[in-house]
Amino acid sequence: MEKLYDYEERLVRFAGEMLVYLATLPKTYEGTYYKNQLTRSSGSAALNYGEAQGTVTTKDFINKMSIVVKELKESRCALKILKYAQLGNMEKNKWLLKECEEITAIGAKMINNKRGERGPH
């Protein structure tokens, strides 16, 4: 898959590719549970980044970006559980896990950079 360098586009693609992956989960209680969970957490990361871009203060930006990173970490954990249980398309799961780790690291770096701009407390 083509490498994107725009963070918002990567988050949007991650959420969209997640929906494609989730369609491969079985229609069992477990499949439905993780489908709902991952739909919320992956989508929330993209949506909260949109809100972060509109913040006025550094504190608000850090708060919104912290939510983005939290939702991505939640997505990563759920993907690992599905991988362990071998549920859904494993190739897609592998790509999503790698992408999730990369965009989580970028989000954390953005938070650290903003904290550095504020100076010592």
PDB file of N, CA and C in Angstrom:
ATOM      1  N   MET A   1       0.839  -1.182   0.000  1.00  0.00           N
ATOM      2  CA  MET A   1       0.000   0.000   0.000  1.00  0.00           C
ATOM      3  C   MET A   1       0.883   1.244   0.000  1.00  0.00           C
ATOM      4  N   GLU A   2       0.459   2.252  -0.718  1.00  0.00           N
ATOM      5  CA  GLU A   2       1.203   3.501  -0.851  1.00  0.00           C
ATOM      6  C   GLU A   2       1.412   4.164   0.510  1.00  0.00           C
ATOM      7  N   LYS A   3       2.603   4.700   0.726  1.00  0.00           N
ATOM      8  CA  LYS A   3       2.929   5.384   1.970  1.00  0.00           C
ATOM      9  C   LYS A   3       2.371   6.801   1.938  1.00  0.00           C
ATOM     10  N   LEU A   4       1.597   7.159   2.946  1.00  0.00           N
ATOM     11  CA  LEU A   4       1.056   8.515   3.063  1.00  0.00           C
ATOM     12  C   LEU A   4       1.869   9.280   4.101  1.00  0.00           C
ATOM     13  N   TYR A   5       2.051  10.572   3.855  1.00  0.00           N
ATOM     14  CA  TYR A   5       2.825  11.390   4.783  1.00  0.00           C
ATOM     15  C   TYR A   5       1.973  12.413   5.514  1.00  0.00           C
ATOM     16  N   ASP A   6       0.721  12.554   5.142  1.00  0.00           N
ATOM     17  CA  ASP A   6      -0.194  13.443   5.829  1.00  0.00           C
ATOM     18  C   ASP A   6      -0.840  12.650   6.971  1.00  0.00           C
ATOM     19  N   TYR A   7      -0.652  13.129   8.195  1.00  0.00           N
ATOM     20  CA  TYR A   7      -1.118  12.374   9.367  1.00  0.00           C
ATOM     21  C   TYR A   7      -2.632  12.155   9.344  1.00  0.00           C
ATOM     22  N   GLU A   8      -3.389  13.189   9.016  1.00  0.00           N
ATOM     23  CA  GLU A   8      -4.840  13.029   8.973  1.00  0.00           C
ATOM     24  C   GLU A   8      -5.235  11.976   7.935  1.00  0.00           C
ATOM     25  N   GLU A   9      -4.597  12.001   6.772  1.00  0.00           N
ATOM     26  CA  GLU A   9      -4.908  11.008   5.739  1.00  0.00           C
ATOM     27  C   GLU A   9      -4.574   9.593   6.208  1.00  0.00           C
ATOM     28  N   ARG A  10      -3.490   9.465   6.946  1.00  0.00           N
ATOM     29  CA  ARG A  10      -3.133   8.136   7.475  1.00  0.00           C
ATOM     30  C   ARG A  10      -4.167   7.650   8.481  1.00  0.00           C
ATOM     31  N   LEU A  11      -4.639   8.555   9.322  1.00  0.00           N
ATOM     32  CA  LEU A  11      -5.670   8.175  10.293  1.00  0.00           C
ATOM     33  C   LEU A  11      -6.972   7.786   9.593  1.00  0.00           C
ATOM     34  N   VAL A  12      -7.334   8.549   8.576  1.00  0.00           N
ATOM     35  CA  VAL A  12      -8.555   8.253   7.818  1.00  0.00           C
ATOM     36  C   VAL A  12      -8.410   6.908   7.111  1.00  0.00           C
ATOM     37  N   ARG A  13      -7.260   6.690   6.471  1.00  0.00           N
ATOM     38  CA  ARG A  13      -7.037   5.407   5.797  1.00  0.00           C
ATOM     39  C   ARG A  13      -7.052   4.259   6.806  1.00  0.00           C
ATOM     40  N   PHE A  14      -6.443   4.457   7.961  1.00  0.00           N
ATOM     41  CA  PHE A  14      -6.426   3.421   8.994  1.00  0.00           C
ATOM     42  C   PHE A  14      -7.854   3.049   9.392  1.00  0.00           C
ATOM     43  N   ALA A  15      -8.686   4.044   9.642  1.00  0.00           N
ATOM     44  CA  ALA A  15     -10.077   3.781  10.026  1.00  0.00           C
ATOM     45  C   ALA A  15     -10.827   3.085   8.886  1.00  0.00           C
ATOM     46  N   GLY A  16     -10.596   3.513   7.662  1.00  0.00           N
ATOM     47  CA  GLY A  16     -11.256   2.903   6.511  1.00  0.00           C
ATOM     48  C   GLY A  16     -10.805   1.467   6.268  1.00  0.00           C
ATOM     49  N   GLU A  17      -9.500   1.242   6.337  1.00  0.00           N
ATOM     50  CA  GLU A  17      -8.975  -0.124   6.166  1.00  0.00           C
ATOM     51  C   GLU A  17      -9.431  -1.029   7.313  1.00  0.00           C
ATOM     52  N   MET A  18      -9.630  -0.431   8.480  1.00  0.00           N
ATOM     53  CA  MET A  18     -10.149  -1.194   9.611  1.00  0.00           C
ATOM     54  C   MET A  18     -11.539  -1.723   9.276  1.00  0.00           C
ATOM     55  N   LEU A  19     -12.378  -0.894   8.679  1.00  0.00           N
ATOM     56  CA  LEU A  19     -13.728  -1.321   8.307  1.00  0.00           C
ATOM     57  C   LEU A  19     -13.676  -2.477   7.308  1.00  0.00           C
ATOM     58  N   VAL A  20     -12.737  -2.410   6.367  1.00  0.00           N
ATOM     59  CA  VAL A  20     -12.570  -3.506   5.397  1.00  0.00           C
ATOM     60  C   VAL A  20     -12.185  -4.788   6.132  1.00  0.00           C
ATOM     61  N   TYR A  21     -11.232  -4.673   7.057  1.00  0.00           N
ATOM     62  CA  TYR A  21     -10.808  -5.836   7.848  1.00  0.00           C
ATOM     63  C   TYR A  21     -11.958  -6.385   8.691  1.00  0.00           C
ATOM     64  N   LEU A  22     -12.690  -5.498   9.332  1.00  0.00           N
ATOM     65  CA  LEU A  22     -13.757  -5.937  10.233  1.00  0.00           C
ATOM     66  C   LEU A  22     -14.846  -6.717   9.499  1.00  0.00           C
ATOM     67  N   ALA A  23     -15.003  -6.449   8.225  1.00  0.00           N
ATOM     68  CA  ALA A  23     -15.985  -7.196   7.432  1.00  0.00           C
ATOM     69  C   ALA A  23     -15.580  -8.667   7.285  1.00  0.00           C
ATOM     70  N   THR A  24     -14.309  -8.989   7.571  1.00  0.00           N
ATOM     71  CA  THR A  24     -13.846 -10.385   7.462  1.00  0.00           C
ATOM     72  C   THR A  24     -14.009 -11.159   8.768  1.00  0.00           C
ATOM     73  N   LEU A  25     -14.436 -10.475   9.828  1.00  0.00           N
ATOM     74  CA  LEU A  25     -14.620 -11.164  11.110  1.00  0.00           C
ATOM     75  C   LEU A  25     -15.882 -12.033  11.061  1.00  0.00           C
ATOM     76  N   PRO A  26     -15.862 -13.133  11.808  1.00  0.00           N
ATOM     77  CA  PRO A  26     -17.055 -13.991  11.830  1.00  0.00           C
ATOM     78  C   PRO A  26     -18.222 -13.276  12.514  1.00  0.00           C
ATOM     79  N   LYS A  27     -19.414 -13.673  12.154  1.00  0.00           N
ATOM     80  CA  LYS A  27     -20.616 -13.067  12.735  1.00  0.00           C
ATOM     81  C   LYS A  27     -21.015 -13.815  14.014  1.00  0.00           C
ATOM     82  N   THR A  28     -20.058 -13.864  14.922  1.00  0.00           N
ATOM     83  CA  THR A  28     -20.257 -14.484  16.227  1.00  0.00           C
ATOM     84  C   THR A  28     -20.311 -13.369  17.270  1.00  0.00           C
ATOM     85  N   TYR A  29     -20.586 -13.725  18.520  1.00  0.00           N
ATOM     86  CA  TYR A  29     -20.573 -12.734  19.590  1.00  0.00           C
ATOM     87  C   TYR A  29     -19.211 -12.042  19.641  1.00  0.00           C
ATOM     88  N   GLU A  30     -18.136 -12.842  19.599  1.00  0.00           N
ATOM     89  CA  GLU A  30     -16.783 -12.296  19.691  1.00  0.00           C
ATOM     90  C   GLU A  30     -16.462 -11.397  18.499  1.00  0.00           C
ATOM     91  N   GLY A  31     -16.814 -11.860  17.312  1.00  0.00           N
ATOM     92  CA  GLY A  31     -16.564 -11.061  16.114  1.00  0.00           C
ATOM     93  C   GLY A  31     -17.291  -9.737  16.168  1.00  0.00           C
ATOM     94  N   THR A  32     -18.538  -9.774  16.591  1.00  0.00           N
ATOM     95  CA  THR A  32     -19.348  -8.553  16.683  1.00  0.00           C
ATOM     96  C   THR A  32     -18.799  -7.613  17.755  1.00  0.00           C
ATOM     97  N   TYR A  33     -18.384  -8.175  18.883  1.00  0.00           N
ATOM     98  CA  TYR A  33     -17.830  -7.370  19.976  1.00  0.00           C
ATOM     99  C   TYR A  33     -16.614  -6.579  19.494  1.00  0.00           C
ATOM    100  N   TYR A  34     -15.662  -7.276  18.872  1.00  0.00           N
ATOM    101  CA  TYR A  34     -14.444  -6.594  18.419  1.00  0.00           C
ATOM    102  C   TYR A  34     -14.711  -5.699  17.216  1.00  0.00           C
ATOM    103  N   LYS A  35     -15.663  -6.068  16.397  1.00  0.00           N
ATOM    104  CA  LYS A  35     -16.039  -5.212  15.269  1.00  0.00           C
ATOM    105  C   LYS A  35     -16.538  -3.868  15.789  1.00  0.00           C
ATOM    106  N   ASN A  36     -17.427  -3.889  16.765  1.00  0.00           N
ATOM    107  CA  ASN A  36     -17.952  -2.648  17.341  1.00  0.00           C
ATOM    108  C   ASN A  36     -16.854  -1.851  18.040  1.00  0.00           C
ATOM    109  N   GLN A  37     -16.026  -2.543  18.814  1.00  0.00           N
ATOM    110  CA  GLN A  37     -14.958  -1.881  19.562  1.00  0.00           C
ATOM    111  C   GLN A  37     -13.973  -1.189  18.625  1.00  0.00           C
ATOM    112  N   LEU A  38     -13.535  -1.910  17.598  1.00  0.00           N
ATOM    113  CA  LEU A  38     -12.544  -1.355  16.684  1.00  0.00           C
ATOM    114  C   LEU A  38     -13.125  -0.290  15.763  1.00  0.00           C
ATOM    115  N   THR A  39     -14.394  -0.394  15.440  1.00  0.00           N
ATOM    116  CA  THR A  39     -15.035   0.659  14.654  1.00  0.00           C
ATOM    117  C   THR A  39     -14.977   1.969  15.436  1.00  0.00           C
ATOM    118  N   ARG A  40     -15.285   1.895  16.726  1.00  0.00           N
ATOM    119  CA  ARG A  40     -15.279   3.096  17.568  1.00  0.00           C
ATOM    120  C   ARG A  40     -13.866   3.639  17.774  1.00  0.00           C
ATOM    121  N   SER A  41     -12.936   2.776  18.181  1.00  0.00           N
ATOM    122  CA  SER A  41     -11.602   3.283  18.537  1.00  0.00           C
ATOM    123  C   SER A  41     -10.819   3.791  17.331  1.00  0.00           C
ATOM    124  N   SER A  42     -10.885   3.091  16.208  1.00  0.00           N
ATOM    125  CA  SER A  42     -10.129   3.560  15.031  1.00  0.00           C
ATOM    126  C   SER A  42     -10.748   4.835  14.464  1.00  0.00           C
ATOM    127  N   GLY A  43     -12.053   4.912  14.431  1.00  0.00           N
ATOM    128  CA  GLY A  43     -12.725   6.121  13.947  1.00  0.00           C
ATOM    129  C   GLY A  43     -12.516   7.292  14.878  1.00  0.00           C
ATOM    130  N   SER A  44     -12.531   7.026  16.162  1.00  0.00           N
ATOM    131  CA  SER A  44     -12.351   8.077  17.155  1.00  0.00           C
ATOM    132  C   SER A  44     -10.974   8.728  17.032  1.00  0.00           C
ATOM    133  N   ALA A  45      -9.957   7.939  16.721  1.00  0.00           N
ATOM    134  CA  ALA A  45      -8.610   8.502  16.565  1.00  0.00           C
ATOM    135  C   ALA A  45      -8.613   9.556  15.459  1.00  0.00           C
ATOM    136  N   ALA A  46      -9.205   9.227  14.321  1.00  0.00           N
ATOM    137  CA  ALA A  46      -9.251  10.177  13.207  1.00  0.00           C
ATOM    138  C   ALA A  46     -10.083  11.407  13.558  1.00  0.00           C
ATOM    139  N   LEU A  47     -11.231  11.188  14.169  1.00  0.00           N
ATOM    140  CA  LEU A  47     -12.117  12.305  14.496  1.00  0.00           C
ATOM    141  C   LEU A  47     -11.513  13.234  15.547  1.00  0.00           C
ATOM    142  N   ASN A  48     -10.857  12.663  16.549  1.00  0.00           N
ATOM    143  CA  ASN A  48     -10.234  13.500  17.576  1.00  0.00           C
ATOM    144  C   ASN A  48      -9.045  14.273  17.032  1.00  0.00           C
ATOM    145  N   TYR A  49      -8.355  13.708  16.040  1.00  0.00           N
ATOM    146  CA  TYR A  49      -7.274  14.478  15.416  1.00  0.00           C
ATOM    147  C   TYR A  49      -7.853  15.690  14.699  1.00  0.00           C
ATOM    148  N   GLY A  50      -8.995  15.515  14.062  1.00  0.00           N
ATOM    149  CA  GLY A  50      -9.671  16.645  13.432  1.00  0.00           C
ATOM    150  C   GLY A  50      -9.970  17.735  14.446  1.00  0.00           C
ATOM    151  N   GLU A  51     -10.400  17.331  15.633  1.00  0.00           N
ATOM    152  CA  GLU A  51     -10.657  18.316  16.695  1.00  0.00           C
ATOM    153  C   GLU A  51      -9.362  18.953  17.182  1.00  0.00           C
ATOM    154  N   ALA A  52      -8.300  18.165  17.269  1.00  0.00           N
ATOM    155  CA  ALA A  52      -7.008  18.685  17.738  1.00  0.00           C
ATOM    156  C   ALA A  52      -6.509  19.791  16.818  1.00  0.00           C
ATOM    157  N   GLN A  53      -6.764  19.662  15.541  1.00  0.00           N
ATOM    158  CA  GLN A  53      -6.311  20.673  14.584  1.00  0.00           C
ATOM    159  C   GLN A  53      -7.017  22.009  14.801  1.00  0.00           C
ATOM    160  N   GLY A  54      -8.178  21.974  15.423  1.00  0.00           N
ATOM    161  CA  GLY A  54      -8.924  23.206  15.645  1.00  0.00           C
ATOM    162  C   GLY A  54      -8.740  23.802  17.026  1.00  0.00           C
ATOM    163  N   THR A  55      -7.844  23.252  17.812  1.00  0.00           N
ATOM    164  CA  THR A  55      -7.656  23.767  19.167  1.00  0.00           C
ATOM    165  C   THR A  55      -6.924  25.105  19.146  1.00  0.00           C
ATOM    166  N   VAL A  56      -7.164  25.880  20.189  1.00  0.00           N
ATOM    167  CA  VAL A  56      -6.564  27.206  20.286  1.00  0.00           C
ATOM    168  C   VAL A  56      -5.304  27.178  21.146  1.00  0.00           C
ATOM    169  N   THR A  57      -5.332  26.384  22.212  1.00  0.00           N
ATOM    170  CA  THR A  57      -4.194  26.363  23.133  1.00  0.00           C
ATOM    171  C   THR A  57      -3.396  25.075  22.985  1.00  0.00           C
ATOM    172  N   THR A  58      -2.153  25.155  23.389  1.00  0.00           N
ATOM    173  CA  THR A  58      -1.286  23.976  23.387  1.00  0.00           C
ATOM    174  C   THR A  58      -1.845  22.908  24.319  1.00  0.00           C
ATOM    175  N   LYS A  59      -2.370  23.318  25.468  1.00  0.00           N
ATOM    176  CA  LYS A  59      -2.941  22.372  26.426  1.00  0.00           C
ATOM    177  C   LYS A  59      -4.103  21.593  25.794  1.00  0.00           C
ATOM    178  N   ASP A  60      -4.972  22.295  25.078  1.00  0.00           N
ATOM    179  CA  ASP A  60      -6.094  21.632  24.404  1.00  0.00           C
ATOM    180  C   ASP A  60      -5.600  20.679  23.330  1.00  0.00           C
ATOM    181  N   PHE A  61      -4.578  21.098  22.573  1.00  0.00           N
ATOM    182  CA  PHE A  61      -4.014  20.234  21.537  1.00  0.00           C
ATOM    183  C   PHE A  61      -3.462  18.952  22.153  1.00  0.00           C
ATOM    184  N   ILE A  62      -2.704  19.093  23.222  1.00  0.00           N
ATOM    185  CA  ILE A  62      -2.116  17.924  23.888  1.00  0.00           C
ATOM    186  C   ILE A  62      -3.220  17.008  24.411  1.00  0.00           C
ATOM    187  N   ASN A  63      -4.270  17.584  24.966  1.00  0.00           N
ATOM    188  CA  ASN A  63      -5.393  16.789  25.475  1.00  0.00           C
ATOM    189  C   ASN A  63      -6.037  15.973  24.349  1.00  0.00           C
ATOM    190  N   LYS A  64      -6.348  16.623  23.239  1.00  0.00           N
ATOM    191  CA  LYS A  64      -6.989  15.923  22.109  1.00  0.00           C
ATOM    192  C   LYS A  64      -6.051  14.878  21.519  1.00  0.00           C
ATOM    193  N   MET A  65      -4.780  15.207  21.395  1.00  0.00           N
ATOM    194  CA  MET A  65      -3.821  14.247  20.839  1.00  0.00           C
ATOM    195  C   MET A  65      -3.617  13.064  21.786  1.00  0.00           C
ATOM    196  N   SER A  66      -3.744  13.315  23.074  1.00  0.00           N
ATOM    197  CA  SER A  66      -3.653  12.218  24.044  1.00  0.00           C
ATOM    198  C   SER A  66      -4.804  11.236  23.833  1.00  0.00           C
ATOM    199  N   ILE A  67      -5.966  11.749  23.487  1.00  0.00           N
ATOM    200  CA  ILE A  67      -7.117  10.888  23.188  1.00  0.00           C
ATOM    201  C   ILE A  67      -6.849  10.094  21.915  1.00  0.00           C
ATOM    202  N   VAL A  68      -6.278  10.744  20.903  1.00  0.00           N
ATOM    203  CA  VAL A  68      -5.931  10.055  19.658  1.00  0.00           C
ATOM    204  C   VAL A  68      -5.020   8.869  19.962  1.00  0.00           C
ATOM    205  N   VAL A  69      -3.963   9.115  20.723  1.00  0.00           N
ATOM    206  CA  VAL A  69      -2.994   8.063  21.045  1.00  0.00           C
ATOM    207  C   VAL A  69      -3.648   6.964  21.879  1.00  0.00           C
ATOM    208  N   LYS A  70      -4.485   7.340  22.825  1.00  0.00           N
ATOM    209  CA  LYS A  70      -5.190   6.352  23.653  1.00  0.00           C
ATOM    210  C   LYS A  70      -6.057   5.439  22.792  1.00  0.00           C
ATOM    211  N   GLU A  71      -6.799   6.025  21.872  1.00  0.00           N
ATOM    212  CA  GLU A  71      -7.677   5.234  20.997  1.00  0.00           C
ATOM    213  C   GLU A  71      -6.867   4.327  20.078  1.00  0.00           C
ATOM    214  N   LEU A  72      -5.717   4.799  19.611  1.00  0.00           N
ATOM    215  CA  LEU A  72      -4.856   3.968  18.775  1.00  0.00           C
ATOM    216  C   LEU A  72      -4.288   2.796  19.569  1.00  0.00           C
ATOM    217  N   LYS A  73      -3.905   3.050  20.816  1.00  0.00           N
ATOM    218  CA  LYS A  73      -3.384   1.961  21.659  1.00  0.00           C
ATOM    219  C   LYS A  73      -4.470   0.932  21.935  1.00  0.00           C
ATOM    220  N   GLU A  74      -5.692   1.392  22.114  1.00  0.00           N
ATOM    221  CA  GLU A  74      -6.828   0.482  22.301  1.00  0.00           C
ATOM    222  C   GLU A  74      -7.038  -0.359  21.042  1.00  0.00           C
ATOM    223  N   SER A  75      -6.949   0.276  19.880  1.00  0.00           N
ATOM    224  CA  SER A  75      -7.080  -0.443  18.612  1.00  0.00           C
ATOM    225  C   SER A  75      -5.979  -1.488  18.470  1.00  0.00           C
ATOM    226  N   ARG A  76      -4.761  -1.106  18.812  1.00  0.00           N
ATOM    227  CA  ARG A  76      -3.626  -2.037  18.711  1.00  0.00           C
ATOM    228  C   ARG A  76      -3.843  -3.272  19.577  1.00  0.00           C
ATOM    229  N   CYS A  77      -4.302  -3.068  20.787  1.00  0.00           N
ATOM    230  CA  CYS A  77      -4.522  -4.189  21.696  1.00  0.00           C
ATOM    231  C   CYS A  77      -5.610  -5.114  21.155  1.00  0.00           C
ATOM    232  N   ALA A  78      -6.700  -4.550  20.662  1.00  0.00           N
ATOM    233  CA  ALA A  78      -7.783  -5.377  20.110  1.00  0.00           C
ATOM    234  C   ALA A  78      -7.312  -6.144  18.876  1.00  0.00           C
ATOM    235  N   LEU A  79      -6.508  -5.506  18.032  1.00  0.00           N
ATOM    236  CA  LEU A  79      -5.957  -6.206  16.867  1.00  0.00           C
ATOM    237  C   LEU A  79      -5.067  -7.368  17.282  1.00  0.00           C
ATOM    238  N   LYS A  80      -4.284  -7.171  18.343  1.00  0.00           N
ATOM    239  CA  LYS A  80      -3.428  -8.253  18.844  1.00  0.00           C
ATOM    240  C   LYS A  80      -4.264  -9.425  19.352  1.00  0.00           C
ATOM    241  N   ILE A  81      -5.370  -9.130  20.017  1.00  0.00           N
ATOM    242  CA  ILE A  81      -6.260 -10.189  20.503  1.00  0.00           C
ATOM    243  C   ILE A  81      -6.828 -10.969  19.323  1.00  0.00           C
ATOM    244  N   LEU A  82      -7.278 -10.254  18.294  1.00  0.00           N
ATOM    245  CA  LEU A  82      -7.831 -10.916  17.107  1.00  0.00           C
ATOM    246  C   LEU A  82      -6.756 -11.734  16.394  1.00  0.00           C
ATOM    247  N   LYS A  83      -5.538 -11.226  16.367  1.00  0.00           N
ATOM    248  CA  LYS A  83      -4.424 -11.979  15.775  1.00  0.00           C
ATOM    249  C   LYS A  83      -4.194 -13.267  16.566  1.00  0.00           C
ATOM    250  N   TYR A  84      -4.172 -13.151  17.870  1.00  0.00           N
ATOM    251  CA  TYR A  84      -3.959 -14.317  18.729  1.00  0.00           C
ATOM    252  C   TYR A  84      -5.032 -15.378  18.480  1.00  0.00           C
ATOM    253  N   ALA A  85      -6.277 -14.920  18.336  1.00  0.00           N
ATOM    254  CA  ALA A  85      -7.403 -15.836  18.127  1.00  0.00           C
ATOM    255  C   ALA A  85      -7.553 -16.247  16.656  1.00  0.00           C
ATOM    256  N   GLN A  86      -6.718 -15.656  15.778  1.00  0.00           N
ATOM    257  CA  GLN A  86      -6.762 -15.951  14.340  1.00  0.00           C
ATOM    258  C   GLN A  86      -8.146 -15.669  13.743  1.00  0.00           C
ATOM    259  N   LEU A  87      -8.704 -14.518  14.092  1.00  0.00           N
ATOM    260  CA  LEU A  87     -10.017 -14.112  13.577  1.00  0.00           C
ATOM    261  C   LEU A  87      -9.846 -13.041  12.509  1.00  0.00           C
ATOM    262  N   GLY A  88     -10.493 -13.217  11.386  1.00  0.00           N
ATOM    263  CA  GLY A  88     -10.425 -12.245  10.299  1.00  0.00           C
ATOM    264  C   GLY A  88      -9.231 -12.495   9.392  1.00  0.00           C
ATOM    265  N   ASN A  89      -9.067 -11.618   8.425  1.00  0.00           N
ATOM    266  CA  ASN A  89      -7.990 -11.706   7.445  1.00  0.00           C
ATOM    267  C   ASN A  89      -6.664 -11.363   8.119  1.00  0.00           C
ATOM    268  N   MET A  90      -5.777 -12.338   8.245  1.00  0.00           N
ATOM    269  CA  MET A  90      -4.523 -12.139   8.978  1.00  0.00           C
ATOM    270  C   MET A  90      -3.547 -11.213   8.250  1.00  0.00           C
ATOM    271  N   GLU A  91      -3.578 -11.175   6.925  1.00  0.00           N
ATOM    272  CA  GLU A  91      -2.721 -10.236   6.192  1.00  0.00           C
ATOM    273  C   GLU A  91      -3.140  -8.795   6.477  1.00  0.00           C
ATOM    274  N   LYS A  92      -4.431  -8.563   6.476  1.00  0.00           N
ATOM    275  CA  LYS A  92      -4.950  -7.218   6.768  1.00  0.00           C
ATOM    276  C   LYS A  92      -4.651  -6.856   8.225  1.00  0.00           C
ATOM    277  N   ASN A  93      -4.798  -7.812   9.128  1.00  0.00           N
ATOM    278  CA  ASN A  93      -4.496  -7.587  10.538  1.00  0.00           C
ATOM    279  C   ASN A  93      -3.038  -7.174  10.699  1.00  0.00           C
ATOM    280  N   LYS A  94      -2.147  -7.854   9.999  1.00  0.00           N
ATOM    281  CA  LYS A  94      -0.708  -7.557  10.082  1.00  0.00           C
ATOM    282  C   LYS A  94      -0.432  -6.124   9.629  1.00  0.00           C
ATOM    283  N   TRP A  95      -1.032  -5.715   8.502  1.00  0.00           N
ATOM    284  CA  TRP A  95      -0.827  -4.362   7.992  1.00  0.00           C
ATOM    285  C   TRP A  95      -1.380  -3.341   8.991  1.00  0.00           C
ATOM    286  N   LEU A  96      -2.590  -3.598   9.510  1.00  0.00           N
ATOM    287  CA  LEU A  96      -3.215  -2.671  10.454  1.00  0.00           C
ATOM    288  C   LEU A  96      -2.376  -2.518  11.721  1.00  0.00           C
ATOM    289  N   LEU A  97      -1.830  -3.615  12.226  1.00  0.00           N
ATOM    290  CA  LEU A  97      -0.983  -3.537  13.427  1.00  0.00           C
ATOM    291  C   LEU A  97       0.250  -2.675  13.170  1.00  0.00           C
ATOM    292  N   LYS A  98       0.898  -2.889  12.044  1.00  0.00           N
ATOM    293  CA  LYS A  98       2.099  -2.110  11.719  1.00  0.00           C
ATOM    294  C   LYS A  98       1.741  -0.629  11.571  1.00  0.00           C
ATOM    295  N   GLU A  99       0.686  -0.342  10.830  1.00  0.00           N
ATOM    296  CA  GLU A  99       0.261   1.043  10.626  1.00  0.00           C
ATOM    297  C   GLU A  99      -0.142   1.683  11.959  1.00  0.00           C
ATOM    298  N   CYS A 100      -0.836   0.934  12.789  1.00  0.00           N
ATOM    299  CA  CYS A 100      -1.270   1.444  14.089  1.00  0.00           C
ATOM    300  C   CYS A 100      -0.062   1.833  14.944  1.00  0.00           C
ATOM    301  N   GLU A 101       0.955   0.992  14.940  1.00  0.00           N
ATOM    302  CA  GLU A 101       2.150   1.293  15.724  1.00  0.00           C
ATOM    303  C   GLU A 101       2.856   2.539  15.198  1.00  0.00           C
ATOM    304  N   GLU A 102       2.910   2.683  13.876  1.00  0.00           N
ATOM    305  CA  GLU A 102       3.564   3.861  13.299  1.00  0.00           C
ATOM    306  C   GLU A 102       2.801   5.148  13.609  1.00  0.00           C
ATOM    307  N   ILE A 103       1.479   5.134  13.420  1.00  0.00           N
ATOM    308  CA  ILE A 103       0.727   6.375  13.655  1.00  0.00           C
ATOM    309  C   ILE A 103       0.611   6.687  15.147  1.00  0.00           C
ATOM    310  N   THR A 104       0.678   5.662  16.002  1.00  0.00           N
ATOM    311  CA  THR A 104       0.719   5.902  17.450  1.00  0.00           C
ATOM    312  C   THR A 104       2.011   6.618  17.813  1.00  0.00           C
ATOM    313  N   ALA A 105       3.130   6.145  17.261  1.00  0.00           N
ATOM    314  CA  ALA A 105       4.434   6.761  17.542  1.00  0.00           C
ATOM    315  C   ALA A 105       4.472   8.207  17.041  1.00  0.00           C
ATOM    316  N   ILE A 106       3.889   8.462  15.877  1.00  0.00           N
ATOM    317  CA  ILE A 106       3.846   9.830  15.348  1.00  0.00           C
ATOM    318  C   ILE A 106       3.015  10.725  16.270  1.00  0.00           C
ATOM    319  N   GLY A 107       1.862  10.234  16.703  1.00  0.00           N
ATOM    320  CA  GLY A 107       1.010  11.008  17.608  1.00  0.00           C
ATOM    321  C   GLY A 107       1.714  11.320  18.918  1.00  0.00           C
ATOM    322  N   ALA A 108       2.408  10.330  19.474  1.00  0.00           N
ATOM    323  CA  ALA A 108       3.142  10.540  20.730  1.00  0.00           C
ATOM    324  C   ALA A 108       4.252  11.575  20.532  1.00  0.00           C
ATOM    325  N   LYS A 109       4.908  11.527  19.375  1.00  0.00           N
ATOM    326  CA  LYS A 109       5.970  12.490  19.077  1.00  0.00           C
ATOM    327  C   LYS A 109       5.394  13.906  18.962  1.00  0.00           C
ATOM    328  N   MET A 110       4.218  14.026  18.355  1.00  0.00           N
ATOM    329  CA  MET A 110       3.570  15.341  18.243  1.00  0.00           C
ATOM    330  C   MET A 110       3.278  15.906  19.632  1.00  0.00           C
ATOM    331  N   ILE A 111       2.816  15.048  20.545  1.00  0.00           N
ATOM    332  CA  ILE A 111       2.544  15.486  21.923  1.00  0.00           C
ATOM    333  C   ILE A 111       3.843  15.947  22.580  1.00  0.00           C
ATOM    334  N   ASN A 112       4.890  15.148  22.461  1.00  0.00           N
ATOM    335  CA  ASN A 112       6.174  15.502  23.081  1.00  0.00           C
ATOM    336  C   ASN A 112       6.742  16.794  22.504  1.00  0.00           C
ATOM    337  N   ASN A 113       6.593  16.990  21.203  1.00  0.00           N
ATOM    338  CA  ASN A 113       7.067  18.226  20.585  1.00  0.00           C
ATOM    339  C   ASN A 113       6.311  19.430  21.131  1.00  0.00           C
ATOM    340  N   LYS A 114       4.996  19.313  21.289  1.00  0.00           N
ATOM    341  CA  LYS A 114       4.203  20.426  21.833  1.00  0.00           C
ATOM    342  C   LYS A 114       4.578  20.691  23.284  1.00  0.00           C
ATOM    343  N   ARG A 115       4.810  19.623  24.032  1.00  0.00           N
ATOM    344  CA  ARG A 115       5.229  19.815  25.436  1.00  0.00           C
ATOM    345  C   ARG A 115       6.544  20.544  25.503  1.00  0.00           C
ATOM    346  N   GLY A 116       7.443  20.237  24.572  1.00  0.00           N
ATOM    347  CA  GLY A 116       8.752  20.917  24.524  1.00  0.00           C
ATOM    348  C   GLY A 116       8.629  22.392  24.205  1.00  0.00           C
ATOM    349  N   GLU A 117       7.607  22.750  23.410  1.00  0.00           N
ATOM    350  CA  GLU A 117       7.370  24.151  23.065  1.00  0.00           C
ATOM    351  C   GLU A 117       6.930  24.966  24.274  1.00  0.00           C
ATOM    352  N   ARG A 118       6.229  24.282  25.206  1.00  0.00           N
ATOM    353  CA  ARG A 118       5.723  24.994  26.385  1.00  0.00           C
ATOM    354  C   ARG A 118       6.823  25.334  27.361  1.00  0.00           C
ATOM    355  N   GLY A 119       7.915  24.570  27.315  1.00  0.00           N
ATOM    356  CA  GLY A 119       9.005  24.791  28.259  1.00  0.00           C
ATOM    357  C   GLY A 119       8.711  24.106  29.587  1.00  0.00           C
ATOM    358  N   PRO A 120       9.617  24.266  30.565  1.00  0.00           N
ATOM    359  CA  PRO A 120       9.430  23.613  31.868  1.00  0.00           C
ATOM    360  C   PRO A 120       8.227  24.168  32.607  1.00  0.00           C
ATOM    361  N   HIS A 121       7.624  23.315  33.420  1.00  0.00           N
ATOM    362  CA  HIS A 121       6.420  23.716  34.176  1.00  0.00           C
ATOM    363  C   HIS A 121       6.804  24.383  35.472  1.00  0.00           C
TER     364      HIS A 121
END
